Every structure is written in C-alpha cells, then in structure tokens.
N, C-alpha and C. Protein backbone atom coordinates (compact mmCIF):
# COMPACT_ATOMS: atom_id res chain seq x y z
N MET A 1 67.72 55.97 -36.50
CA MET A 1 67.03 55.08 -35.57
C MET A 1 67.90 54.41 -34.62
N GLU A 2 67.47 54.19 -33.18
CA GLU A 2 68.40 53.90 -32.42
C GLU A 2 68.19 52.05 -32.25
N PHE A 3 69.38 51.60 -32.10
CA PHE A 3 69.51 50.07 -32.20
C PHE A 3 68.29 49.62 -31.15
N LEU A 4 68.40 50.17 -29.96
CA LEU A 4 67.49 49.53 -28.92
C LEU A 4 65.78 49.70 -29.12
N GLU A 5 65.65 50.49 -30.29
CA GLU A 5 64.29 50.59 -30.48
C GLU A 5 63.67 49.13 -31.05
N TYR A 6 64.61 48.36 -31.84
CA TYR A 6 64.01 47.20 -32.22
C TYR A 6 64.11 46.09 -31.37
N LEU A 7 64.52 46.21 -30.09
CA LEU A 7 64.39 45.20 -29.04
C LEU A 7 63.17 45.12 -28.24
N VAL A 8 62.66 44.07 -28.01
CA VAL A 8 61.62 44.10 -27.22
C VAL A 8 62.07 43.86 -25.66
N ASP A 9 61.19 44.59 -24.93
CA ASP A 9 61.58 44.68 -23.34
C ASP A 9 61.82 43.40 -22.85
N LYS A 10 60.99 42.33 -23.28
CA LYS A 10 61.32 41.01 -22.57
C LYS A 10 62.69 40.28 -22.97
N ALA A 11 63.05 40.90 -24.02
CA ALA A 11 64.44 40.08 -24.50
C ALA A 11 65.74 40.82 -23.92
N LEU A 12 65.66 42.26 -23.30
CA LEU A 12 66.86 42.70 -22.87
C LEU A 12 67.28 41.92 -21.89
N ILE A 13 66.80 41.28 -21.10
CA ILE A 13 67.43 40.67 -19.99
C ILE A 13 68.42 39.61 -20.60
N LEU A 14 68.19 39.23 -21.93
CA LEU A 14 69.30 38.07 -22.32
C LEU A 14 70.66 38.76 -22.72
N ILE A 15 70.81 40.16 -22.71
CA ILE A 15 72.01 40.84 -23.11
C ILE A 15 73.00 40.58 -21.89
N PRO A 16 72.72 41.10 -20.67
CA PRO A 16 73.73 40.63 -19.73
C PRO A 16 73.93 39.20 -19.40
N VAL A 17 72.80 38.33 -19.59
CA VAL A 17 72.91 36.86 -19.56
C VAL A 17 74.14 36.28 -20.56
N LEU A 18 73.81 36.72 -21.89
CA LEU A 18 74.78 36.34 -22.85
C LEU A 18 76.21 36.94 -22.51
N ASN A 19 76.29 38.12 -22.01
CA ASN A 19 77.71 38.65 -21.63
C ASN A 19 78.35 37.89 -20.65
N ILE A 20 77.52 37.47 -19.59
CA ILE A 20 78.12 36.40 -18.50
C ILE A 20 78.51 35.07 -19.24
N LEU A 21 77.68 34.58 -20.18
CA LEU A 21 77.96 33.39 -20.52
C LEU A 21 79.24 33.29 -21.49
N GLY A 22 79.24 34.42 -22.14
CA GLY A 22 80.46 34.32 -23.18
C GLY A 22 81.64 34.63 -22.35
N ALA A 23 81.56 35.43 -21.11
CA ALA A 23 82.84 35.36 -20.20
C ALA A 23 83.28 33.94 -19.73
N ILE A 24 82.24 33.23 -19.40
CA ILE A 24 82.47 31.77 -18.95
C ILE A 24 83.09 31.11 -19.90
N ILE A 25 82.50 31.04 -21.17
CA ILE A 25 83.10 30.40 -22.29
C ILE A 25 84.42 30.78 -22.52
N LYS A 26 84.75 32.08 -22.44
CA LYS A 26 86.06 32.63 -22.76
C LYS A 26 87.01 31.92 -21.83
N ASP A 27 86.84 32.05 -20.46
CA ASP A 27 87.61 31.60 -19.63
C ASP A 27 87.89 29.82 -19.66
N SER A 28 87.16 29.48 -20.25
CA SER A 28 87.39 27.82 -20.71
C SER A 28 88.45 27.61 -21.82
N ASP A 29 89.29 26.66 -21.50
CA ASP A 29 90.32 26.36 -22.70
C ASP A 29 89.73 25.54 -23.65
N LYS A 30 88.63 24.86 -23.66
CA LYS A 30 88.20 23.69 -24.39
C LYS A 30 87.56 24.43 -25.74
N ILE A 31 87.11 25.53 -25.43
CA ILE A 31 86.23 26.08 -26.92
C ILE A 31 87.05 27.32 -27.35
N PRO A 32 87.58 27.21 -28.66
CA PRO A 32 88.26 28.27 -29.24
C PRO A 32 87.54 29.49 -29.33
N ASP A 33 88.21 30.78 -29.19
CA ASP A 33 87.45 32.16 -29.03
C ASP A 33 86.54 32.23 -30.42
N LYS A 34 86.88 31.80 -31.56
CA LYS A 34 86.32 32.13 -32.98
C LYS A 34 84.68 31.40 -32.82
N TYR A 35 84.71 30.59 -31.83
CA TYR A 35 83.16 29.96 -32.04
C TYR A 35 82.30 30.47 -30.66
N ILE A 36 82.92 31.40 -30.05
CA ILE A 36 81.91 32.00 -28.79
C ILE A 36 80.66 32.74 -29.35
N PRO A 37 80.98 33.72 -30.66
CA PRO A 37 79.75 34.51 -31.11
C PRO A 37 78.69 33.57 -31.65
N VAL A 38 79.18 32.26 -32.19
CA VAL A 38 78.18 31.44 -32.87
C VAL A 38 77.35 30.48 -31.42
N ILE A 39 78.09 30.31 -30.43
CA ILE A 39 77.64 29.52 -29.39
C ILE A 39 76.35 30.69 -28.73
N LEU A 40 76.95 31.90 -28.56
CA LEU A 40 75.95 32.92 -28.01
C LEU A 40 74.82 33.35 -28.59
N LEU A 41 74.90 33.03 -30.13
CA LEU A 41 73.89 33.17 -30.87
C LEU A 41 72.84 31.98 -30.56
N ALA A 42 73.38 30.93 -30.68
CA ALA A 42 72.42 29.64 -30.57
C ALA A 42 71.74 30.02 -29.00
N PHE A 43 72.41 30.54 -28.02
CA PHE A 43 71.68 30.58 -26.73
C PHE A 43 70.80 31.82 -26.80
N GLY A 44 71.22 32.88 -27.58
CA GLY A 44 70.36 34.05 -27.75
C GLY A 44 69.08 33.68 -28.23
N ILE A 45 69.14 32.88 -29.40
CA ILE A 45 67.97 32.43 -30.05
C ILE A 45 67.06 31.61 -28.98
N LEU A 46 67.49 30.67 -28.45
CA LEU A 46 66.95 29.72 -27.43
C LEU A 46 66.37 30.55 -26.49
N GLY A 47 66.87 31.45 -25.89
CA GLY A 47 66.51 32.39 -24.89
C GLY A 47 65.26 33.14 -25.23
N SER A 48 65.59 33.72 -26.41
CA SER A 48 64.27 34.40 -26.84
C SER A 48 62.97 33.74 -27.15
N VAL A 49 63.19 32.61 -27.65
CA VAL A 49 62.45 31.60 -28.01
C VAL A 49 61.48 31.07 -26.64
N GLY A 50 62.54 30.96 -25.79
CA GLY A 50 61.88 30.56 -24.16
C GLY A 50 61.07 31.64 -23.67
N LEU A 51 61.49 32.78 -24.01
CA LEU A 51 60.77 33.95 -23.29
C LEU A 51 59.26 34.29 -23.91
N MET A 52 59.44 34.32 -25.57
CA MET A 52 58.59 34.80 -26.23
C MET A 52 57.70 33.93 -27.12
N GLY A 53 58.19 32.56 -26.99
CA GLY A 53 57.61 31.57 -27.86
C GLY A 53 58.14 31.55 -29.02
N PHE A 54 57.76 30.54 -29.78
CA PHE A 54 58.33 30.07 -31.09
C PHE A 54 57.84 30.86 -32.16
N SER A 55 58.45 31.82 -32.75
CA SER A 55 58.04 32.79 -33.73
C SER A 55 59.21 33.33 -34.65
N ALA A 56 58.82 33.77 -35.82
CA ALA A 56 60.18 34.48 -36.46
C ALA A 56 60.36 35.67 -35.83
N ALA A 57 59.64 36.38 -35.15
CA ALA A 57 59.77 37.40 -34.28
C ALA A 57 60.98 37.15 -33.13
N SER A 58 60.43 36.25 -32.60
CA SER A 58 61.58 35.78 -31.32
C SER A 58 62.83 35.40 -31.88
N VAL A 59 62.95 34.77 -33.14
CA VAL A 59 64.27 34.46 -33.53
C VAL A 59 64.98 35.62 -33.94
N VAL A 60 64.34 36.59 -34.49
CA VAL A 60 65.15 37.91 -34.85
C VAL A 60 65.44 38.43 -33.57
N GLN A 61 64.57 38.37 -32.52
CA GLN A 61 65.01 39.11 -31.23
C GLN A 61 66.27 38.42 -30.64
N GLY A 62 66.34 37.02 -30.79
CA GLY A 62 67.38 36.36 -30.41
C GLY A 62 68.88 36.76 -31.00
N VAL A 63 68.59 37.12 -32.32
CA VAL A 63 69.86 37.61 -33.23
C VAL A 63 70.18 38.94 -32.76
N LEU A 64 69.19 39.78 -32.48
CA LEU A 64 69.37 41.08 -32.09
C LEU A 64 70.23 41.28 -30.74
N VAL A 65 69.48 40.47 -29.78
CA VAL A 65 70.21 40.53 -28.55
C VAL A 65 71.56 40.13 -28.45
N THR A 66 71.73 38.99 -29.30
CA THR A 66 73.14 38.48 -29.47
C THR A 66 74.17 39.49 -30.15
N GLY A 67 73.61 40.05 -31.07
CA GLY A 67 74.40 41.10 -31.74
C GLY A 67 74.89 42.30 -30.65
N ALA A 68 73.84 42.76 -29.92
CA ALA A 68 74.05 43.81 -28.93
C ALA A 68 74.91 43.33 -27.93
N ALA A 69 75.03 42.09 -27.36
CA ALA A 69 75.89 41.49 -26.33
C ALA A 69 77.41 41.55 -26.98
N VAL A 70 77.63 41.06 -28.20
CA VAL A 70 78.71 40.92 -28.84
C VAL A 70 79.58 42.33 -29.04
N TYR A 71 78.60 42.99 -29.71
CA TYR A 71 78.95 44.42 -29.97
C TYR A 71 79.32 45.34 -28.76
N GLY A 72 78.53 45.02 -27.67
CA GLY A 72 78.92 45.89 -26.39
C GLY A 72 80.27 45.32 -25.89
N ASN A 73 80.48 44.10 -26.15
CA ASN A 73 81.72 43.46 -25.51
C ASN A 73 82.80 44.10 -26.29
N GLN A 74 82.64 44.26 -27.53
CA GLN A 74 83.87 44.56 -28.41
C GLN A 74 84.17 46.10 -28.26
N ILE A 75 82.94 46.86 -27.79
CA ILE A 75 83.37 48.21 -27.57
C ILE A 75 84.13 48.33 -26.16
N VAL A 76 83.67 47.56 -25.12
CA VAL A 76 84.21 47.67 -24.06
C VAL A 76 85.96 47.15 -24.23
N LYS A 77 86.15 46.30 -24.97
CA LYS A 77 87.51 45.84 -25.23
C LYS A 77 88.30 46.76 -26.10
N GLN A 78 87.56 47.61 -26.93
CA GLN A 78 88.49 48.57 -27.65
C GLN A 78 88.63 49.67 -26.78
N PHE A 79 87.69 50.20 -25.98
CA PHE A 79 87.93 51.30 -25.19
C PHE A 79 89.10 50.88 -24.08
N ARG A 80 89.30 49.74 -23.74
CA ARG A 80 90.35 49.25 -22.65
C ARG A 80 91.54 49.37 -23.41
N LYS A 81 91.61 48.95 -24.63
CA LYS A 81 92.88 48.87 -25.36
C LYS A 81 93.46 50.26 -25.73
N CYS A 82 92.64 51.17 -25.86
CA CYS A 82 93.25 52.54 -26.00
C CYS A 82 93.86 53.18 -24.73
N GLU A 83 93.39 52.72 -23.50
CA GLU A 83 93.93 53.35 -22.40
C GLU A 83 95.36 52.87 -22.05
C-alpha cells in the first residue's frame, strides 16, 4: 500500500508547512538539530487538530504528516549527498 493513502486530504497542506518550518528552525542557531523532528511533531499534531478537530484520528494524521515531511526532507538530503 502507498503511504499517501493513509493521509487525509485536509492534512496534506501541513507537509510543505512543516518543511518550511523545519528549514526556519534549522537556520536558527538556538535550537539543536536533534530537536527539530520533535518540534515538527508537535506542530504537525497541533496543525492537524486545528484542521480536523480534536480526535485520535487527527493526532494520527499529525504524526503521519510529520513523518512524511521529515522523511521527504531526508530523501532530498540523501540524493543531494550522492551527487
């Protein structure tokens, strides 16, 4: 099964938002890189709860969109490293 089948259409907008937020956090010197995924997870869950209302499904969607954003970022970094 494809990963995106599990994501609700409403939550897809959070993936680029989390990517941009991660880039902003990465550029700041105040937050260590190891905390970026945890911070993005919190924002992903809050964003999905804001879009879909508070439920277990919206929390799961927040985890999934955060995973997609972090995973997508890592894929891009790995492909750039190989070149």
